[in-house]
């Protein structure tokens, strides 16, 4: 009965939101959502779904739990250093305004990191970066761009001074940097992607998907890159046999479109 209850929940969520929980690793997803369901006081997923439909606060908490909105600036700093010193300068040699996408951007730390690096290396904030996520709540936080001090612990000092202003215990992104980012809602597994990107960053998201879903996404990302474009993935998301996606290793966790 418990399995049928969860299976029906998956179907109802997909019918209502187009989010297919079956594309996520079941054990991880079921464990996280069971914890949330019990925290809210519901014995079944059927009752929990009905509550989500009546109370948007519960629905948004479901999205937060499902998407694991854990992010920080310069996450894994040595990989961002490779992007800063190697790949962004290469892109700027061929395009003054490289086309950049932060996929599954969560609460904005990643696209703002990209914006700081792009602005610093190009000498202008006149570069547009697309940033997408499935969670409306996360996108709203990203647009506000107000962060606790724990989020900025890896931000290099000169970037912190130039692109943030401190307000008591929080740090706010400067307006000129905020204008570089275009945030929008997107379901990676369902929606079509734009094409011709110089750089796509999608980090620490694939680990939650099934192998079939990963395979689908890598094909979609590769199609969206222009020849020579770079896909930057998370530190636990090495792509095995990248050639099947018309990709080749460019550095650790960086892949180039052939």
Protein backbone atom coordinates (compact mmCIF):
# COMPACT_ATOMS: atom_id res chain seq x y z
CA UNK A 1 0.00 0.00 0.00
CA UNK A 2 2.87 2.34 0.81
CA UNK A 3 4.40 1.79 -2.64
CA UNK A 4 1.04 2.41 -4.34
CA UNK A 5 0.57 5.57 -2.27
CA UNK A 6 3.94 6.95 -3.40
CA UNK A 7 3.40 5.84 -7.02
CA UNK A 8 0.08 7.70 -7.13
CA UNK A 9 1.78 10.75 -5.59
CA UNK A 10 4.40 10.68 -8.37
CA UNK A 11 1.62 10.54 -11.01
CA UNK A 12 -0.39 13.37 -9.45
CA UNK A 13 2.70 15.59 -9.13
CA UNK A 14 3.57 14.98 -12.79
CA UNK A 15 0.00 15.70 -13.94
CA UNK A 16 -0.09 18.94 -11.97
CA UNK A 17 3.45 20.28 -12.40
CA UNK A 18 5.10 18.32 -15.26
CA UNK A 19 7.79 17.38 -12.72
CA UNK A 20 8.50 13.67 -13.14
CA UNK A 21 9.77 12.37 -9.82
CA UNK A 22 10.32 8.99 -11.48
CA UNK A 23 13.36 10.58 -13.18
CA UNK A 24 14.97 11.11 -9.78
CA UNK A 25 16.71 8.38 -7.78
CA UNK A 26 13.78 6.82 -5.94
CA UNK A 27 15.39 5.94 -2.61
CA UNK A 28 16.81 9.46 -2.11
CA UNK A 29 13.66 11.22 -3.22
CA UNK A 30 11.26 9.02 -1.25
CA UNK A 31 13.34 9.40 1.92
CA UNK A 32 13.44 13.20 1.70
CA UNK A 33 9.74 13.54 0.89
CA UNK A 34 8.69 11.04 3.55
CA UNK A 35 10.54 13.13 6.14
CA UNK A 36 8.75 16.27 4.93
CA UNK A 37 5.35 14.54 4.83
CA UNK A 38 5.76 13.30 8.39
CA UNK A 39 7.00 16.69 9.57
CA UNK A 40 3.77 18.21 8.22
CA UNK A 41 1.68 15.59 10.02
CA UNK A 42 0.37 13.48 7.12
CA UNK A 43 0.22 9.68 7.25
CA UNK A 44 -0.02 9.19 3.48
CA UNK A 45 1.29 10.84 0.34
CA UNK A 46 -2.32 11.13 -0.85
CA UNK A 47 -3.12 13.36 2.11
CA UNK A 48 0.13 15.26 1.67
CA UNK A 49 -0.63 15.98 -2.01
CA UNK A 50 -4.11 17.28 -1.14
CA UNK A 51 -2.49 19.59 1.44
CA UNK A 52 -0.01 20.84 -1.19
CA UNK A 53 -2.89 21.76 -3.46
CA UNK A 54 -4.63 23.75 -0.72
CA UNK A 55 -1.59 25.46 0.79
CA UNK A 56 1.03 27.04 -1.50
CA UNK A 57 3.47 27.29 1.40
CA UNK A 58 3.49 23.49 1.69
CA UNK A 59 3.83 23.17 -2.10
CA UNK A 60 6.86 25.48 -2.17
CA UNK A 61 8.40 23.60 0.75
CA UNK A 62 7.93 20.41 -1.29
CA UNK A 63 9.80 22.02 -4.19
CA UNK A 64 12.61 23.12 -1.88
CA UNK A 65 12.95 19.62 -0.47
CA UNK A 66 12.82 18.05 -3.90
CA UNK A 67 15.45 20.30 -5.46
CA UNK A 68 17.88 20.53 -2.50
CA UNK A 69 18.63 24.23 -2.72
CA UNK A 70 22.12 24.11 -1.25
CA UNK A 71 24.51 26.48 -2.94
CA UNK A 72 27.34 28.88 -2.25
CA UNK A 73 29.61 31.23 -4.17
CA UNK A 74 32.76 29.69 -5.67
CA UNK A 75 31.73 26.18 -4.65
CA UNK A 76 34.88 24.06 -5.18
CA UNK A 77 37.08 27.15 -5.71
CA UNK A 78 39.85 25.42 -7.63
CA UNK A 79 37.41 24.51 -10.43
CA UNK A 80 36.16 28.11 -10.65
CA UNK A 81 39.77 29.21 -10.88
CA UNK A 82 40.18 27.06 -14.00
CA UNK A 83 37.09 28.70 -15.50
CA UNK A 84 38.36 32.16 -14.56
CA UNK A 85 41.91 31.75 -15.85
CA UNK A 86 41.41 29.46 -18.81
CA UNK A 87 37.94 29.13 -20.32
CA UNK A 88 36.38 32.58 -19.87
CA UNK A 89 39.46 34.32 -21.40
CA UNK A 90 39.30 31.88 -24.34
CA UNK A 91 35.64 32.69 -24.90
CA UNK A 92 36.25 36.43 -24.77
CA UNK A 93 38.82 36.11 -27.55
CA UNK A 94 36.12 34.97 -29.97
CA UNK A 95 33.09 36.78 -28.56
CA UNK A 96 32.85 40.02 -26.60
CA UNK A 97 29.52 38.81 -25.24
CA UNK A 98 29.71 35.04 -24.76
CA UNK A 99 26.39 33.23 -24.38
CA UNK A 100 26.27 31.72 -20.87
CA UNK A 101 23.68 29.60 -19.08
CA UNK A 102 23.51 28.56 -15.42
CA UNK A 103 21.14 25.56 -15.41
CA UNK A 104 19.45 24.58 -12.12
CA UNK A 105 20.74 27.81 -10.64
CA UNK A 106 19.07 27.39 -7.23
CA UNK A 107 19.20 30.60 -5.16
CA UNK A 108 21.62 32.39 -7.49
CA UNK A 109 25.09 31.93 -6.05
CA UNK A 110 26.32 30.14 -9.16
CA UNK A 111 25.13 32.62 -11.84
CA UNK A 112 26.38 35.55 -9.77
CA UNK A 113 29.77 33.86 -9.50
CA UNK A 114 29.73 33.53 -13.29
CA UNK A 115 28.73 37.18 -13.64
CA UNK A 116 31.57 38.38 -11.40
CA UNK A 117 34.15 36.40 -13.35
CA UNK A 118 32.74 37.49 -16.72
CA UNK A 119 32.60 41.14 -15.67
CA UNK A 120 36.12 41.06 -14.26
CA UNK A 121 37.66 39.37 -17.29
CA UNK A 122 35.78 41.40 -19.91
CA UNK A 123 35.87 44.74 -18.10
CA UNK A 124 32.13 45.21 -18.58
CA UNK A 125 28.82 44.18 -17.03
CA UNK A 126 27.25 44.28 -20.50
CA UNK A 127 27.08 40.47 -20.72
CA UNK A 128 23.78 38.63 -20.35
CA UNK A 129 23.70 35.35 -18.41
CA UNK A 130 20.63 33.12 -18.45
CA UNK A 131 19.85 31.37 -15.15
CA UNK A 132 17.06 28.82 -14.77
CA UNK A 133 15.53 26.66 -12.05
CA UNK A 134 12.38 24.64 -11.48
CA UNK A 135 11.70 26.24 -8.08
CA UNK A 136 9.89 29.61 -8.07
CA UNK A 137 10.94 30.21 -4.47
CA UNK A 138 14.61 29.72 -5.27
CA UNK A 139 14.38 32.06 -8.27
CA UNK A 140 12.74 34.75 -6.14
CA UNK A 141 15.58 34.53 -3.61
CA UNK A 142 18.08 34.72 -6.47
CA UNK A 143 16.49 37.88 -7.82
CA UNK A 144 16.64 39.51 -4.38
CA UNK A 145 20.34 38.57 -4.16
CA UNK A 146 20.71 38.90 -0.40
CA UNK A 147 22.95 36.28 1.21
CA UNK A 148 24.14 35.25 4.69
CA UNK A 149 27.83 35.46 5.51
CA UNK A 150 28.26 31.67 5.31
CA UNK A 151 27.48 31.80 1.57
CA UNK A 152 30.34 34.17 0.75
CA UNK A 153 33.17 32.46 2.66
CA UNK A 154 34.97 31.38 -0.56
CA UNK A 155 34.50 34.66 -2.46
CA UNK A 156 37.95 36.17 -3.21
CA UNK A 157 38.50 39.41 -1.30
CA UNK A 158 38.63 41.74 -4.33
CA UNK A 159 35.36 40.31 -5.71
CA UNK A 160 33.71 40.67 -2.32
CA UNK A 161 34.73 44.30 -2.08
CA UNK A 162 33.71 45.17 -5.64
CA UNK A 163 30.45 43.27 -6.17
CA UNK A 164 28.85 43.08 -2.71
CA UNK A 165 27.67 45.57 -0.13
CA UNK A 166 27.35 44.49 3.47
CA UNK A 167 24.16 45.22 5.37
CA UNK A 168 24.48 44.11 8.98
CA UNK A 169 24.76 40.29 8.84
CA UNK A 170 23.94 39.91 5.13
CA UNK A 171 25.67 40.63 1.83
CA UNK A 172 23.82 42.12 -1.16
CA UNK A 173 24.85 41.82 -4.82
CA UNK A 174 25.39 45.19 -6.52
CA UNK A 175 22.71 46.35 -8.95
CA UNK A 176 24.98 46.40 -12.01
CA UNK A 177 25.83 42.74 -11.46
CA UNK A 178 22.18 41.81 -10.87
CA UNK A 179 21.30 43.29 -14.26
CA UNK A 180 23.60 40.75 -15.94
CA UNK A 181 21.37 37.83 -14.96
CA UNK A 182 18.05 36.88 -16.55
CA UNK A 183 16.27 34.43 -14.24
CA UNK A 184 13.44 32.23 -15.47
CA UNK A 185 11.63 29.04 -14.51
CA UNK A 186 12.54 25.86 -16.36
CA UNK A 187 12.09 22.09 -16.08
CA UNK A 188 15.31 20.61 -17.46
CA UNK A 189 13.77 17.21 -18.14
CA UNK A 190 10.77 18.49 -20.11
CA UNK A 191 11.46 21.92 -21.61
CA UNK A 192 13.33 22.58 -24.85
CA UNK A 193 16.68 24.37 -24.62
CA UNK A 194 18.05 27.36 -26.46
CA UNK A 195 21.15 26.73 -28.57
CA UNK A 196 24.49 28.33 -29.41
CA UNK A 197 25.88 28.56 -25.87
CA UNK A 198 29.58 29.21 -25.26
CA UNK A 199 29.25 27.93 -21.69
CA UNK A 200 26.67 25.86 -19.80
CA UNK A 201 27.13 25.36 -16.07
CA UNK A 202 25.07 22.59 -14.43
CA UNK A 203 26.61 21.44 -11.16
CA UNK A 204 25.54 19.16 -8.32
CA UNK A 205 22.16 18.40 -9.87
CA UNK A 206 22.77 15.28 -11.97
CA UNK A 207 23.53 13.24 -8.85
CA UNK A 208 19.81 13.25 -8.02
CA UNK A 209 18.71 11.89 -11.42
CA UNK A 210 18.41 8.35 -12.73
CA UNK A 211 20.91 7.17 -15.35
CA UNK A 212 18.22 7.50 -18.05
CA UNK A 213 17.53 11.10 -17.06
CA UNK A 214 21.25 11.94 -17.04
CA UNK A 215 21.64 10.43 -20.50
CA UNK A 216 18.76 12.56 -21.81
CA UNK A 217 20.16 15.73 -20.25
CA UNK A 218 23.71 15.30 -21.50
CA UNK A 219 22.37 14.93 -25.04
CA UNK A 220 20.24 18.07 -24.60
CA UNK A 221 23.13 20.08 -23.15
CA UNK A 222 25.49 18.99 -25.92
CA UNK A 223 22.97 20.01 -28.57
CA UNK A 224 22.67 23.43 -26.91
CA UNK A 225 26.40 24.11 -26.99
CA UNK A 226 28.00 25.59 -30.06
CA UNK A 227 31.07 23.75 -31.41
CA UNK A 228 33.90 24.40 -28.98
CA UNK A 229 31.45 25.35 -26.21
CA UNK A 230 32.08 24.18 -22.65
CA UNK A 231 29.89 22.17 -20.24
CA UNK A 232 30.96 22.61 -16.58
CA UNK A 233 29.60 19.94 -14.18
CA UNK A 234 29.85 19.25 -10.45
CA UNK A 235 32.68 17.59 -8.58
CA UNK A 236 30.79 14.28 -8.27
CA UNK A 237 29.44 14.27 -11.81
CA UNK A 238 32.22 13.07 -14.08
CA UNK A 239 30.85 12.06 -17.50
CA UNK A 240 31.94 8.60 -18.55
CA UNK A 241 32.21 8.06 -22.32
CA UNK A 242 31.58 11.75 -23.18
CA UNK A 243 32.09 10.97 -26.86
CA UNK A 244 28.57 9.52 -27.07
CA UNK A 245 27.32 13.07 -26.48
CA UNK A 246 29.77 14.67 -28.95
CA UNK A 247 31.77 15.95 -25.97
CA UNK A 248 35.44 15.58 -25.07
CA UNK A 249 37.29 16.26 -21.80
CA UNK A 250 38.70 19.79 -21.64
CA UNK A 251 39.80 19.74 -17.96
CA UNK A 252 38.58 18.02 -14.80
CA UNK A 253 34.76 18.40 -14.81
CA UNK A 254 34.88 20.51 -18.00
CA UNK A 255 33.77 19.09 -21.35
CA UNK A 256 34.07 20.65 -24.81
CA UNK A 257 31.57 20.22 -27.65
CA UNK A 258 33.34 18.67 -30.65
